[in-house]
N, C-alpha and C. Protein backbone atom coordinates (compact mmCIF):
# COMPACT_ATOMS: atom_id res chain seq x y z
N UNK A 1 180.22 42.83 -18.47
CA UNK A 1 180.91 43.52 -19.55
C UNK A 1 180.15 43.39 -20.88
N UNK A 2 179.51 42.24 -21.07
CA UNK A 2 178.75 42.03 -22.29
C UNK A 2 177.62 43.05 -22.42
N UNK A 3 176.94 43.27 -21.31
CA UNK A 3 175.82 44.22 -21.32
C UNK A 3 176.29 45.63 -21.64
N UNK A 4 177.46 46.01 -21.12
CA UNK A 4 178.01 47.35 -21.38
C UNK A 4 178.33 47.49 -22.86
N UNK A 5 178.98 46.49 -23.44
CA UNK A 5 179.33 46.55 -24.86
C UNK A 5 178.07 46.51 -25.73
N UNK A 6 177.10 45.71 -25.35
CA UNK A 6 175.85 45.64 -26.09
C UNK A 6 175.14 47.00 -26.06
N UNK A 7 175.09 47.62 -24.90
CA UNK A 7 174.44 48.92 -24.76
C UNK A 7 175.19 49.99 -25.54
N UNK A 8 176.52 49.99 -25.44
CA UNK A 8 177.32 50.97 -26.17
C UNK A 8 177.15 50.79 -27.68
N UNK A 9 177.15 49.55 -28.14
CA UNK A 9 176.96 49.29 -29.57
C UNK A 9 175.60 49.76 -30.05
N UNK A 10 174.57 49.49 -29.27
CA UNK A 10 173.22 49.94 -29.64
C UNK A 10 173.14 51.47 -29.66
N UNK A 11 173.75 52.09 -28.67
CA UNK A 11 173.77 53.55 -28.62
C UNK A 11 174.46 54.13 -29.85
N UNK A 12 175.57 53.55 -30.25
CA UNK A 12 176.29 54.02 -31.44
C UNK A 12 175.46 53.81 -32.71
N UNK A 13 174.76 52.68 -32.79
CA UNK A 13 173.94 52.41 -33.97
C UNK A 13 172.80 53.42 -34.07
N UNK A 14 172.18 53.74 -32.95
CA UNK A 14 171.09 54.73 -32.94
C UNK A 14 171.64 56.13 -33.20
N UNK A 15 172.79 56.44 -32.62
CA UNK A 15 173.42 57.74 -32.85
C UNK A 15 173.78 57.91 -34.32
N UNK A 16 174.12 56.82 -34.98
CA UNK A 16 174.42 56.87 -36.41
C UNK A 16 173.22 57.30 -37.23
N UNK A 17 172.03 56.87 -36.82
CA UNK A 17 170.82 57.30 -37.53
C UNK A 17 170.62 58.79 -37.34
N UNK A 18 170.82 59.28 -36.12
CA UNK A 18 170.72 60.73 -35.89
C UNK A 18 171.79 61.47 -36.68
N UNK A 19 172.97 60.87 -36.79
CA UNK A 19 174.06 61.47 -37.54
C UNK A 19 173.80 61.56 -39.02
N UNK A 20 172.78 60.87 -39.49
CA UNK A 20 172.42 60.98 -40.90
C UNK A 20 171.90 62.37 -41.24
N UNK A 21 171.40 63.07 -40.22
CA UNK A 21 170.84 64.40 -40.44
C UNK A 21 171.68 65.51 -39.83
N UNK A 22 172.50 65.16 -38.86
CA UNK A 22 173.35 66.16 -38.20
C UNK A 22 174.70 66.21 -38.89
N UNK A 23 175.13 67.38 -39.34
CA UNK A 23 176.39 67.46 -40.07
C UNK A 23 177.62 67.20 -39.19
N UNK A 24 177.45 67.16 -37.88
CA UNK A 24 178.58 66.97 -36.97
C UNK A 24 178.98 65.50 -36.87
N UNK A 25 178.00 64.60 -36.99
CA UNK A 25 178.25 63.16 -36.83
C UNK A 25 178.25 62.45 -38.18
N UNK A 26 179.25 61.60 -38.41
CA UNK A 26 179.21 60.78 -39.63
C UNK A 26 178.31 59.58 -39.40
N UNK A 27 177.06 59.66 -39.85
CA UNK A 27 176.04 58.66 -39.55
C UNK A 27 176.42 57.20 -39.74
N UNK A 28 176.63 56.75 -40.98
CA UNK A 28 176.93 55.34 -41.18
C UNK A 28 178.23 54.88 -40.49
N UNK A 29 179.22 55.74 -40.42
CA UNK A 29 180.45 55.34 -39.72
C UNK A 29 180.19 55.16 -38.22
N UNK A 30 179.37 56.01 -37.65
CA UNK A 30 179.03 55.86 -36.23
C UNK A 30 178.26 54.56 -36.01
N UNK A 31 177.32 54.26 -36.90
CA UNK A 31 176.59 53.00 -36.81
C UNK A 31 177.53 51.81 -36.98
N UNK A 32 178.50 51.94 -37.88
CA UNK A 32 179.46 50.85 -38.08
C UNK A 32 180.26 50.59 -36.80
N UNK A 33 180.62 51.64 -36.09
CA UNK A 33 181.34 51.44 -34.83
C UNK A 33 180.47 50.66 -33.84
N UNK A 34 179.15 50.83 -33.92
CA UNK A 34 178.25 50.01 -33.11
C UNK A 34 178.37 48.54 -33.45
N UNK A 35 178.46 48.23 -34.76
CA UNK A 35 178.67 46.84 -35.17
C UNK A 35 180.02 46.32 -34.70
N UNK A 36 181.04 47.15 -34.77
CA UNK A 36 182.37 46.75 -34.32
C UNK A 36 182.37 46.43 -32.83
N UNK A 37 181.76 47.29 -32.03
CA UNK A 37 181.69 47.07 -30.59
C UNK A 37 180.95 45.76 -30.29
N UNK A 38 179.89 45.50 -31.04
CA UNK A 38 179.14 44.25 -30.86
C UNK A 38 180.03 43.03 -31.09
N UNK A 39 180.91 43.12 -32.05
CA UNK A 39 181.81 42.00 -32.34
C UNK A 39 182.91 41.84 -31.30
N UNK A 40 183.10 42.84 -30.46
CA UNK A 40 184.08 42.71 -29.36
C UNK A 40 183.51 41.94 -28.17
N UNK A 41 182.21 41.68 -28.20
CA UNK A 41 181.63 40.89 -27.11
C UNK A 41 182.04 39.42 -27.30
N UNK A 42 181.94 38.67 -26.23
CA UNK A 42 182.23 37.23 -26.31
C UNK A 42 181.08 36.47 -26.96
N UNK A 43 179.90 37.06 -26.98
CA UNK A 43 178.73 36.38 -27.52
C UNK A 43 178.74 36.29 -29.04
N UNK A 44 179.22 37.34 -29.70
CA UNK A 44 179.21 37.39 -31.17
C UNK A 44 180.63 37.12 -31.67
N UNK A 45 180.81 36.07 -32.48
CA UNK A 45 182.16 35.79 -32.99
C UNK A 45 182.62 36.88 -33.96
N UNK A 46 183.91 37.14 -33.95
CA UNK A 46 184.49 38.16 -34.83
C UNK A 46 184.37 37.68 -36.28
N UNK A 47 183.79 38.51 -37.12
CA UNK A 47 183.60 38.19 -38.52
C UNK A 47 184.23 39.31 -39.34
N UNK A 48 185.48 39.13 -39.73
CA UNK A 48 186.23 40.19 -40.41
C UNK A 48 185.65 40.51 -41.79
N UNK A 49 185.10 39.51 -42.47
CA UNK A 49 184.51 39.76 -43.78
C UNK A 49 183.30 40.69 -43.63
N UNK A 50 182.44 40.39 -42.68
CA UNK A 50 181.25 41.21 -42.42
C UNK A 50 181.67 42.63 -42.04
N UNK A 51 182.60 42.74 -41.11
CA UNK A 51 183.04 44.07 -40.66
C UNK A 51 183.74 44.84 -41.78
N UNK A 52 184.53 44.16 -42.58
CA UNK A 52 185.22 44.82 -43.69
C UNK A 52 184.26 45.32 -44.76
N UNK A 53 183.27 44.50 -45.08
CA UNK A 53 182.27 44.89 -46.08
C UNK A 53 181.45 46.08 -45.60
N UNK A 54 180.98 46.01 -44.37
CA UNK A 54 180.17 47.12 -43.85
C UNK A 54 181.01 48.39 -43.68
N UNK A 55 182.28 48.24 -43.32
CA UNK A 55 183.15 49.41 -43.24
C UNK A 55 183.35 50.03 -44.62
N UNK A 56 183.54 49.20 -45.62
CA UNK A 56 183.68 49.70 -46.99
C UNK A 56 182.46 50.49 -47.43
N UNK A 57 181.29 49.97 -47.13
CA UNK A 57 180.04 50.66 -47.47
C UNK A 57 179.96 51.99 -46.72
N UNK A 58 180.29 51.98 -45.43
CA UNK A 58 180.23 53.20 -44.62
C UNK A 58 181.20 54.25 -45.16
N UNK A 59 182.39 53.83 -45.58
CA UNK A 59 183.38 54.78 -46.11
C UNK A 59 182.94 55.37 -47.45
N UNK A 60 182.35 54.54 -48.30
CA UNK A 60 181.86 55.03 -49.59
C UNK A 60 180.76 56.06 -49.36
N UNK A 61 179.84 55.78 -48.45
CA UNK A 61 178.76 56.72 -48.14
C UNK A 61 179.33 58.00 -47.54
N UNK A 62 180.35 57.86 -46.69
CA UNK A 62 181.01 59.02 -46.08
C UNK A 62 181.59 59.93 -47.17
N UNK A 63 182.25 59.35 -48.15
CA UNK A 63 182.83 60.14 -49.24
C UNK A 63 181.74 60.73 -50.14
N UNK A 64 180.71 59.94 -50.43
CA UNK A 64 179.62 60.44 -51.26
C UNK A 64 178.88 61.60 -50.59
N UNK A 65 178.88 61.59 -49.26
CA UNK A 65 178.20 62.65 -48.53
C UNK A 65 178.82 64.02 -48.82
N UNK A 66 180.09 64.04 -49.16
CA UNK A 66 180.73 65.30 -49.53
C UNK A 66 180.51 65.62 -51.01
N UNK A 67 180.40 64.60 -51.83
CA UNK A 67 180.28 64.81 -53.27
C UNK A 67 178.86 65.17 -53.69
N UNK A 68 177.86 64.51 -53.11
CA UNK A 68 176.47 64.69 -53.57
C UNK A 68 175.99 66.14 -53.42
N UNK A 69 176.15 66.78 -52.24
CA UNK A 69 175.70 68.18 -52.17
C UNK A 69 176.45 69.10 -53.13
N UNK A 70 177.73 68.83 -53.31
CA UNK A 70 178.51 69.65 -54.24
C UNK A 70 178.01 69.47 -55.66
N UNK A 71 177.69 68.26 -56.03
CA UNK A 71 177.17 68.00 -57.37
C UNK A 71 175.82 68.69 -57.56
N UNK A 72 174.94 68.57 -56.54
CA UNK A 72 173.63 69.23 -56.61
C UNK A 72 173.77 70.74 -56.72
N UNK A 73 174.68 71.29 -55.94
CA UNK A 73 174.89 72.74 -55.95
C UNK A 73 175.43 73.19 -57.30
N UNK A 74 176.45 72.50 -57.81
CA UNK A 74 177.05 72.88 -59.09
C UNK A 74 176.06 72.72 -60.24
N UNK A 75 175.28 71.64 -60.19
CA UNK A 75 174.33 71.36 -61.26
C UNK A 75 173.30 72.48 -61.40
N UNK A 76 172.97 73.12 -60.27
CA UNK A 76 171.97 74.18 -60.29
C UNK A 76 172.61 75.56 -60.21
N UNK A 77 173.92 75.65 -60.45
CA UNK A 77 174.59 76.94 -60.52
C UNK A 77 174.93 77.55 -59.17
N UNK A 78 175.06 76.75 -58.16
CA UNK A 78 175.35 77.25 -56.81
C UNK A 78 176.83 77.38 -56.53
N UNK A 79 177.11 77.86 -55.33
CA UNK A 79 178.49 78.09 -54.91
C UNK A 79 178.74 77.41 -53.56
N UNK A 80 179.97 77.56 -53.10
CA UNK A 80 180.33 77.03 -51.78
C UNK A 80 179.53 77.74 -50.68
N UNK A 81 179.20 79.00 -50.91
CA UNK A 81 178.41 79.75 -49.93
C UNK A 81 177.04 79.10 -49.73
N UNK A 82 176.46 78.56 -50.78
CA UNK A 82 175.19 77.86 -50.67
C UNK A 82 175.32 76.57 -49.87
N UNK A 83 176.42 75.87 -50.06
CA UNK A 83 176.65 74.64 -49.29
C UNK A 83 176.85 74.95 -47.81
N UNK A 84 177.59 76.00 -47.53
CA UNK A 84 177.81 76.40 -46.13
C UNK A 84 176.48 76.85 -45.52
N UNK A 85 175.72 77.61 -46.28
CA UNK A 85 174.41 78.04 -45.81
C UNK A 85 173.48 76.87 -45.52
N UNK A 86 173.58 75.82 -46.34
CA UNK A 86 172.77 74.62 -46.12
C UNK A 86 173.09 74.00 -44.76
N UNK A 87 174.38 73.87 -44.44
CA UNK A 87 174.79 73.28 -43.17
C UNK A 87 174.36 74.14 -41.98
N UNK A 88 174.56 75.44 -42.11
CA UNK A 88 174.15 76.35 -41.02
C UNK A 88 172.63 76.31 -40.86
N UNK A 89 171.92 76.33 -41.98
CA UNK A 89 170.46 76.26 -41.92
C UNK A 89 169.96 74.96 -41.30
N UNK A 90 170.69 73.88 -41.52
CA UNK A 90 170.31 72.60 -40.93
C UNK A 90 170.40 72.67 -39.41
N UNK A 91 171.50 73.19 -38.91
CA UNK A 91 171.69 73.30 -37.45
C UNK A 91 170.63 74.21 -36.85
N UNK A 92 170.39 75.35 -37.48
CA UNK A 92 169.37 76.28 -36.99
C UNK A 92 167.99 75.62 -37.07
N UNK A 93 167.72 74.93 -38.15
CA UNK A 93 166.44 74.26 -38.32
C UNK A 93 166.18 73.18 -37.28
N UNK A 94 167.23 72.48 -36.88
CA UNK A 94 167.09 71.45 -35.85
C UNK A 94 166.83 72.09 -34.49
N UNK A 95 167.53 73.18 -34.22
CA UNK A 95 167.41 73.84 -32.92
C UNK A 95 166.16 74.71 -32.80
N UNK A 96 165.65 75.18 -33.92
CA UNK A 96 164.48 76.07 -33.90
C UNK A 96 163.22 75.28 -33.54
N UNK A 97 162.38 75.84 -32.70
CA UNK A 97 161.17 75.12 -32.29
C UNK A 97 160.03 75.26 -33.31
N UNK A 98 160.32 75.02 -34.58
CA UNK A 98 159.28 75.12 -35.60
C UNK A 98 159.10 73.75 -36.25
N UNK A 99 157.89 73.44 -36.68
CA UNK A 99 157.69 72.18 -37.38
C UNK A 99 158.46 72.16 -38.70
N UNK A 100 159.00 71.04 -39.03
CA UNK A 100 159.74 70.83 -40.28
C UNK A 100 160.98 71.70 -40.39
N UNK A 101 161.54 72.11 -39.26
CA UNK A 101 162.74 72.94 -39.26
C UNK A 101 163.91 72.26 -39.93
N UNK A 102 163.97 70.94 -39.81
CA UNK A 102 165.08 70.18 -40.41
C UNK A 102 164.99 70.21 -41.94
N UNK A 103 163.82 70.49 -42.48
CA UNK A 103 163.65 70.57 -43.93
C UNK A 103 163.72 72.03 -44.41
N UNK A 104 163.09 72.92 -43.68
CA UNK A 104 163.06 74.33 -44.06
C UNK A 104 164.43 74.99 -43.87
N UNK A 105 165.10 74.65 -42.76
CA UNK A 105 166.38 75.28 -42.41
C UNK A 105 167.45 75.19 -43.49
N UNK A 106 167.72 73.99 -44.03
CA UNK A 106 168.75 73.90 -45.06
C UNK A 106 168.43 74.70 -46.32
N UNK A 107 167.14 74.72 -46.69
CA UNK A 107 166.76 75.47 -47.88
C UNK A 107 166.95 76.97 -47.67
N UNK A 108 166.47 77.46 -46.53
CA UNK A 108 166.60 78.89 -46.22
C UNK A 108 168.08 79.26 -46.09
N UNK A 109 168.85 78.38 -45.45
CA UNK A 109 170.29 78.63 -45.30
C UNK A 109 171.00 78.68 -46.64
N UNK A 110 170.66 77.75 -47.53
CA UNK A 110 171.27 77.75 -48.86
C UNK A 110 170.88 79.01 -49.63
N UNK A 111 169.63 79.40 -49.52
CA UNK A 111 169.17 80.61 -50.20
C UNK A 111 169.91 81.84 -49.67
N UNK A 112 170.03 81.93 -48.34
CA UNK A 112 170.74 83.08 -47.74
C UNK A 112 172.21 83.09 -48.16
N UNK A 113 172.83 81.92 -48.16
CA UNK A 113 174.23 81.84 -48.59
C UNK A 113 174.41 82.28 -50.02
N UNK A 114 173.51 81.86 -50.89
CA UNK A 114 173.59 82.25 -52.30
C UNK A 114 173.27 83.72 -52.50
N UNK A 115 172.35 84.27 -51.72
CA UNK A 115 172.05 85.70 -51.82
C UNK A 115 173.25 86.54 -51.40
N UNK A 116 173.94 86.10 -50.37
CA UNK A 116 175.15 86.81 -49.93
C UNK A 116 176.21 86.74 -51.03
N UNK A 117 176.31 85.58 -51.66
CA UNK A 117 177.34 85.37 -52.68
C UNK A 117 176.97 86.03 -54.01
N UNK A 118 175.73 85.89 -54.47
CA UNK A 118 175.35 86.35 -55.81
C UNK A 118 174.47 87.60 -55.82
N UNK A 119 173.67 87.79 -54.80
CA UNK A 119 172.73 88.90 -54.70
C UNK A 119 171.78 88.94 -55.90
N UNK A 120 171.39 87.77 -56.37
CA UNK A 120 170.43 87.64 -57.45
C UNK A 120 169.42 86.58 -57.01
N UNK A 121 168.20 87.02 -56.70
CA UNK A 121 167.24 86.10 -56.08
C UNK A 121 166.87 84.92 -56.98
N UNK A 122 166.80 85.12 -58.27
CA UNK A 122 166.47 84.02 -59.19
C UNK A 122 167.54 82.94 -59.18
N UNK A 123 168.78 83.37 -59.36
CA UNK A 123 169.88 82.42 -59.34
C UNK A 123 170.06 81.80 -57.96
N UNK A 124 169.87 82.62 -56.93
CA UNK A 124 170.02 82.12 -55.56
C UNK A 124 168.96 81.06 -55.25
N UNK A 125 167.75 81.28 -55.71
CA UNK A 125 166.68 80.32 -55.47
C UNK A 125 166.97 78.99 -56.18
N UNK A 126 167.43 79.09 -57.41
CA UNK A 126 167.78 77.88 -58.17
C UNK A 126 168.94 77.13 -57.52
N UNK A 127 169.97 77.85 -57.12
CA UNK A 127 171.13 77.22 -56.47
C UNK A 127 170.76 76.66 -55.10
N UNK A 128 169.89 77.38 -54.39
CA UNK A 128 169.44 76.89 -53.08
C UNK A 128 168.69 75.59 -53.24
N UNK A 129 167.88 75.49 -54.27
CA UNK A 129 167.17 74.24 -54.53
C UNK A 129 168.16 73.11 -54.81
N UNK A 130 169.21 73.39 -55.56
CA UNK A 130 170.24 72.38 -55.84
C UNK A 130 170.96 71.94 -54.58
N UNK A 131 171.34 72.90 -53.75
CA UNK A 131 171.99 72.57 -52.48
C UNK A 131 171.07 71.74 -51.60
N UNK A 132 169.83 72.16 -51.53
CA UNK A 132 168.85 71.47 -50.71
C UNK A 132 168.61 70.05 -51.22
N UNK A 133 168.49 69.90 -52.52
CA UNK A 133 168.28 68.59 -53.12
C UNK A 133 169.48 67.68 -52.85
N UNK A 134 170.68 68.24 -52.97
CA UNK A 134 171.89 67.47 -52.66
C UNK A 134 171.93 67.05 -51.20
N UNK A 135 171.56 67.97 -50.31
CA UNK A 135 171.52 67.64 -48.89
C UNK A 135 170.53 66.52 -48.62
N UNK A 136 169.32 66.64 -49.17
CA UNK A 136 168.30 65.61 -48.95
C UNK A 136 168.73 64.25 -49.49
N UNK A 137 169.36 64.24 -50.65
CA UNK A 137 169.82 62.99 -51.23
C UNK A 137 170.88 62.34 -50.34
N UNK A 138 171.85 63.14 -49.90
CA UNK A 138 172.89 62.61 -49.02
C UNK A 138 172.33 62.14 -47.69
N UNK A 139 171.44 62.92 -47.10
CA UNK A 139 170.84 62.55 -45.82
C UNK A 139 170.02 61.28 -45.95
N UNK A 140 169.27 61.15 -47.03
CA UNK A 140 168.46 59.95 -47.24
C UNK A 140 169.36 58.72 -47.39
N UNK A 141 170.41 58.85 -48.16
CA UNK A 141 171.35 57.75 -48.37
C UNK A 141 172.00 57.33 -47.05
N UNK A 142 172.45 58.30 -46.27
CA UNK A 142 173.05 58.00 -44.96
C UNK A 142 172.03 57.36 -44.03
N UNK A 143 170.80 57.87 -44.04
CA UNK A 143 169.75 57.32 -43.19
C UNK A 143 169.47 55.86 -43.52
N UNK A 144 169.37 55.56 -44.81
CA UNK A 144 169.10 54.18 -45.24
C UNK A 144 170.21 53.25 -44.78
N UNK A 145 171.46 53.64 -45.00
CA UNK A 145 172.59 52.77 -44.61
C UNK A 145 172.67 52.63 -43.09
N UNK A 146 172.50 53.72 -42.35
CA UNK A 146 172.56 53.65 -40.89
C UNK A 146 171.42 52.79 -40.34
N UNK A 147 170.25 52.87 -40.97
CA UNK A 147 169.11 52.04 -40.54
C UNK A 147 169.37 50.57 -40.84
N UNK A 148 169.96 50.29 -41.98
CA UNK A 148 170.33 48.91 -42.30
C UNK A 148 171.35 48.39 -41.29
N UNK A 149 172.33 49.21 -40.94
CA UNK A 149 173.32 48.81 -39.95
C UNK A 149 172.66 48.52 -38.60
N UNK A 150 171.68 49.34 -38.21
CA UNK A 150 170.94 49.08 -36.97
C UNK A 150 170.20 47.75 -37.08
N UNK A 151 169.61 47.49 -38.23
CA UNK A 151 168.93 46.21 -38.46
C UNK A 151 169.90 45.04 -38.37
N UNK A 152 171.09 45.20 -38.94
CA UNK A 152 172.12 44.15 -38.84
C UNK A 152 172.53 43.93 -37.39
N UNK A 153 172.66 45.03 -36.64
CA UNK A 153 173.01 44.96 -35.23
C UNK A 153 171.95 44.15 -34.47
N UNK A 154 170.69 44.50 -34.67
CA UNK A 154 169.60 43.81 -33.99
C UNK A 154 169.55 42.34 -34.42
N UNK A 155 169.78 42.10 -35.71
CA UNK A 155 169.81 40.72 -36.21
C UNK A 155 170.90 39.89 -35.56
N UNK A 156 172.08 40.47 -35.41
CA UNK A 156 173.20 39.74 -34.75
C UNK A 156 172.86 39.47 -33.29
N UNK A 157 172.29 40.46 -32.61
CA UNK A 157 171.91 40.26 -31.21
C UNK A 157 170.86 39.16 -31.12
N UNK A 158 169.92 39.17 -32.04
CA UNK A 158 168.87 38.15 -32.03
C UNK A 158 169.46 36.76 -32.29
N UNK A 159 170.38 36.67 -33.25
CA UNK A 159 171.00 35.38 -33.56
C UNK A 159 171.76 34.79 -32.36
N UNK A 160 172.37 35.65 -31.58
CA UNK A 160 173.19 35.21 -30.44
C UNK A 160 172.53 35.57 -29.11
N UNK A 161 171.21 35.68 -29.10
CA UNK A 161 170.48 36.09 -27.90
C UNK A 161 170.71 35.16 -26.70
N UNK A 162 170.87 33.86 -26.98
CA UNK A 162 171.09 32.93 -25.88
C UNK A 162 172.40 33.23 -25.16
N UNK A 163 173.42 33.63 -25.90
CA UNK A 163 174.70 33.97 -25.27
C UNK A 163 174.63 35.29 -24.51
N UNK A 164 173.79 36.19 -24.97
CA UNK A 164 173.65 37.49 -24.30
C UNK A 164 172.77 37.41 -23.05
N UNK A 165 171.67 36.68 -23.19
CA UNK A 165 170.64 36.71 -22.15
C UNK A 165 170.49 35.37 -21.45
N UNK A 166 171.57 34.84 -20.96
CA UNK A 166 171.52 33.58 -20.20
C UNK A 166 170.82 33.81 -18.88
N UNK A 167 170.11 32.81 -18.44
CA UNK A 167 169.41 32.93 -17.14
C UNK A 167 170.36 32.72 -15.99
C-alpha cells in the first residue's frame, strides 16, 4: 500500500507541474494533493502545520491565477474576449505540432479574441500582449510553486527512505 500511495503522490506532484500550463488542471493544488497523499503513508508522519502552510500557499496561487491575467489584460486595455482567446490559444498551441506552440498559441488567441471584440488591430495587439503577459506571469508563478512542492515531496521521501525502501 505504501508503494501505491507513494506512486500516486508522485504522479500528482508531476501532474501539478503540467497543470501550471494547462488551464484545465490547478497546478499547485494538484501538487499539494501529492503531498497530502504522501502524508497518508505510514512512513511519513502527519504534519498538519506543513500541510496547512502548503495548502495556504496553493490556495493563494490558485486565486492569483485568476487575478493576474485579468490585471494584465485590463492594464493593457483588453477585454474578457482576450482572456478567453488566451485560454483557447493555449489549448490549441499545446495540441498543435509546432515548436513553441505553448507560447505562440496564447498570444494569437488573445489577439484573435480582441480582434473579434474590438476590430482594431492596434488596440487588439496591445491588449493581446497584456493578456499574454498575464498568462505567462501566472503560469510561471504556478510552475515555481508546483516545482517547489515536487522538491518538498522528494525531500520527504528522501528523509523517510528507510521506511519506504526496507529490504
